[in-house]
Amino acid sequence: MEQNKVNGLLGLASKAGKVICGSDAVEEAILKKKVKLIIIATDSSEKTKQKFLKICLENNVNYKLYGTVEENSKAIGKVNKAIIAIKDKNFADAIMGKIYGGDTIG
């Protein structure tokens, strides 16, 4: 199942120190151009989704609505994280490849 593969990659990225989570920390990292991909939980609040969609579009950061808060948080060994940022291009490409079934991002 693709979700298991994505969660595995999120876990590896987290262990490698390539993940930022939490709204404020992620927003700051985006503004500092340190982020390659944002994962927004599908069940995060509309306000949170809109905020990060806007920030991603303004800063040309790839994003994906994916998984639930619980699933994504568990994958990175945290609790209640609606927004996850991936700092590493290789992890970002691999995760997007699994989500889209083989396609990677530029």
Protein backbone atom coordinates (compact mmCIF):
# COMPACT_ATOMS: atom_id res chain seq x y z
CA MET A 1 0.00 0.00 0.00
CA GLU A 2 1.37 3.42 -0.99
CA GLN A 3 0.49 5.00 2.34
CA ASN A 4 2.83 2.62 4.18
CA LYS A 5 5.65 3.53 1.80
CA VAL A 6 5.01 7.25 2.21
CA ASN A 7 4.85 6.89 5.98
CA GLY A 8 8.09 4.90 5.89
CA LEU A 9 9.78 7.68 3.96
CA LEU A 10 8.40 10.30 6.36
CA GLY A 11 9.82 8.26 9.23
CA LEU A 12 13.24 7.98 7.58
CA ALA A 13 13.28 11.71 6.82
CA SER A 14 12.37 12.44 10.43
CA LYS A 15 15.13 10.18 11.78
CA ALA A 16 17.58 11.85 9.40
CA GLY A 17 16.63 15.28 10.78
CA LYS A 18 15.12 16.41 7.48
CA VAL A 19 11.63 17.16 8.82
CA ILE A 20 10.19 20.29 10.41
CA CYS A 21 6.79 20.12 12.02
CA GLY A 22 4.48 22.56 13.69
CA SER A 23 2.85 25.56 12.12
CA ASP A 24 5.23 28.32 13.25
CA ALA A 25 8.43 26.37 12.62
CA VAL A 26 7.28 25.32 9.14
CA GLU A 27 6.20 28.83 8.21
CA GLU A 28 9.58 30.21 9.30
CA ALA A 29 11.44 27.52 7.34
CA ILE A 30 9.41 28.28 4.19
CA LEU A 31 10.27 31.96 4.44
CA LYS A 32 13.95 31.06 4.86
CA LYS A 33 13.74 28.91 1.69
CA LYS A 34 14.70 25.71 3.56
CA VAL A 35 11.71 23.61 2.51
CA LYS A 36 11.29 21.34 -0.53
CA LEU A 37 7.84 19.90 0.23
CA ILE A 38 4.97 20.53 2.62
CA ILE A 39 2.60 17.76 3.66
CA ILE A 40 -0.73 19.15 4.85
CA ALA A 41 -2.99 16.67 6.65
CA THR A 42 -6.33 16.28 4.89
CA ASP A 43 -8.19 16.66 8.18
CA SER A 44 -6.41 19.81 9.33
CA SER A 45 -8.61 22.86 9.81
CA GLU A 46 -9.71 24.86 6.77
CA LYS A 47 -7.92 27.88 8.23
CA THR A 48 -4.66 25.92 8.45
CA LYS A 49 -5.04 24.51 4.93
CA GLN A 50 -5.76 27.94 3.43
CA LYS A 51 -2.86 29.56 5.30
CA PHE A 52 -0.31 27.03 4.09
CA LEU A 53 -1.65 26.78 0.55
CA LYS A 54 -1.23 30.55 0.30
CA ILE A 55 2.28 30.51 1.80
CA CYS A 56 3.36 27.64 -0.47
CA LEU A 57 2.04 29.34 -3.60
CA GLU A 58 3.63 32.69 -2.68
CA ASN A 59 7.00 31.04 -2.01
CA ASN A 60 6.91 28.49 -4.83
CA VAL A 61 7.02 25.49 -2.47
CA ASN A 62 5.54 22.13 -3.50
CA TYR A 63 2.76 20.89 -1.25
CA LYS A 64 0.42 17.95 -0.99
CA LEU A 65 -2.76 17.35 0.97
CA TYR A 66 -2.06 13.88 2.28
CA GLY A 67 -2.96 11.57 5.15
CA THR A 68 -4.59 12.49 8.42
CA VAL A 69 -3.07 14.39 11.31
CA GLU A 70 -2.87 11.13 13.27
CA GLU A 71 -1.30 9.09 10.43
CA ASN A 72 1.27 11.73 9.49
CA SER A 73 2.18 12.47 13.12
CA LYS A 74 2.65 8.77 13.88
CA ALA A 75 4.89 8.39 10.82
CA ILE A 76 7.34 11.00 12.17
CA GLY A 77 7.04 9.92 15.79
CA LYS A 78 5.16 13.01 16.96
CA VAL A 79 1.65 13.83 18.12
CA ASN A 80 -0.91 16.17 16.56
CA LYS A 81 1.15 17.60 13.67
CA ALA A 82 -1.06 18.83 10.83
CA ILE A 83 1.80 20.39 8.85
CA ILE A 84 5.06 18.62 8.02
CA ALA A 85 7.88 20.16 6.01
CA ILE A 86 10.54 18.11 4.23
CA LYS A 87 13.89 19.91 3.95
CA ASP A 88 15.69 17.42 1.72
CA LYS A 89 15.07 17.33 -2.05
CA ASN A 90 15.74 13.58 -2.32
CA PHE A 91 13.20 12.76 0.39
CA ALA A 92 10.73 15.23 -1.12
CA ASP A 93 11.10 13.63 -4.57
CA ALA A 94 10.77 10.11 -3.17
CA ILE A 95 7.65 10.98 -1.16
CA MET A 96 5.98 12.69 -4.11
CA GLY A 97 6.95 9.73 -6.28
CA LYS A 98 5.11 7.37 -3.92
CA ILE A 99 2.07 9.65 -3.63
CA TYR A 100 1.80 10.09 -7.40
CA GLY A 101 2.86 6.55 -8.26
CA GLY A 102 6.29 7.11 -9.75
CA ASP A 103 6.31 10.75 -10.80
CA THR A 104 8.82 13.06 -9.15
CA ILE A 105 8.77 16.80 -8.82
CA GLY A 106 11.09 19.27 -10.45
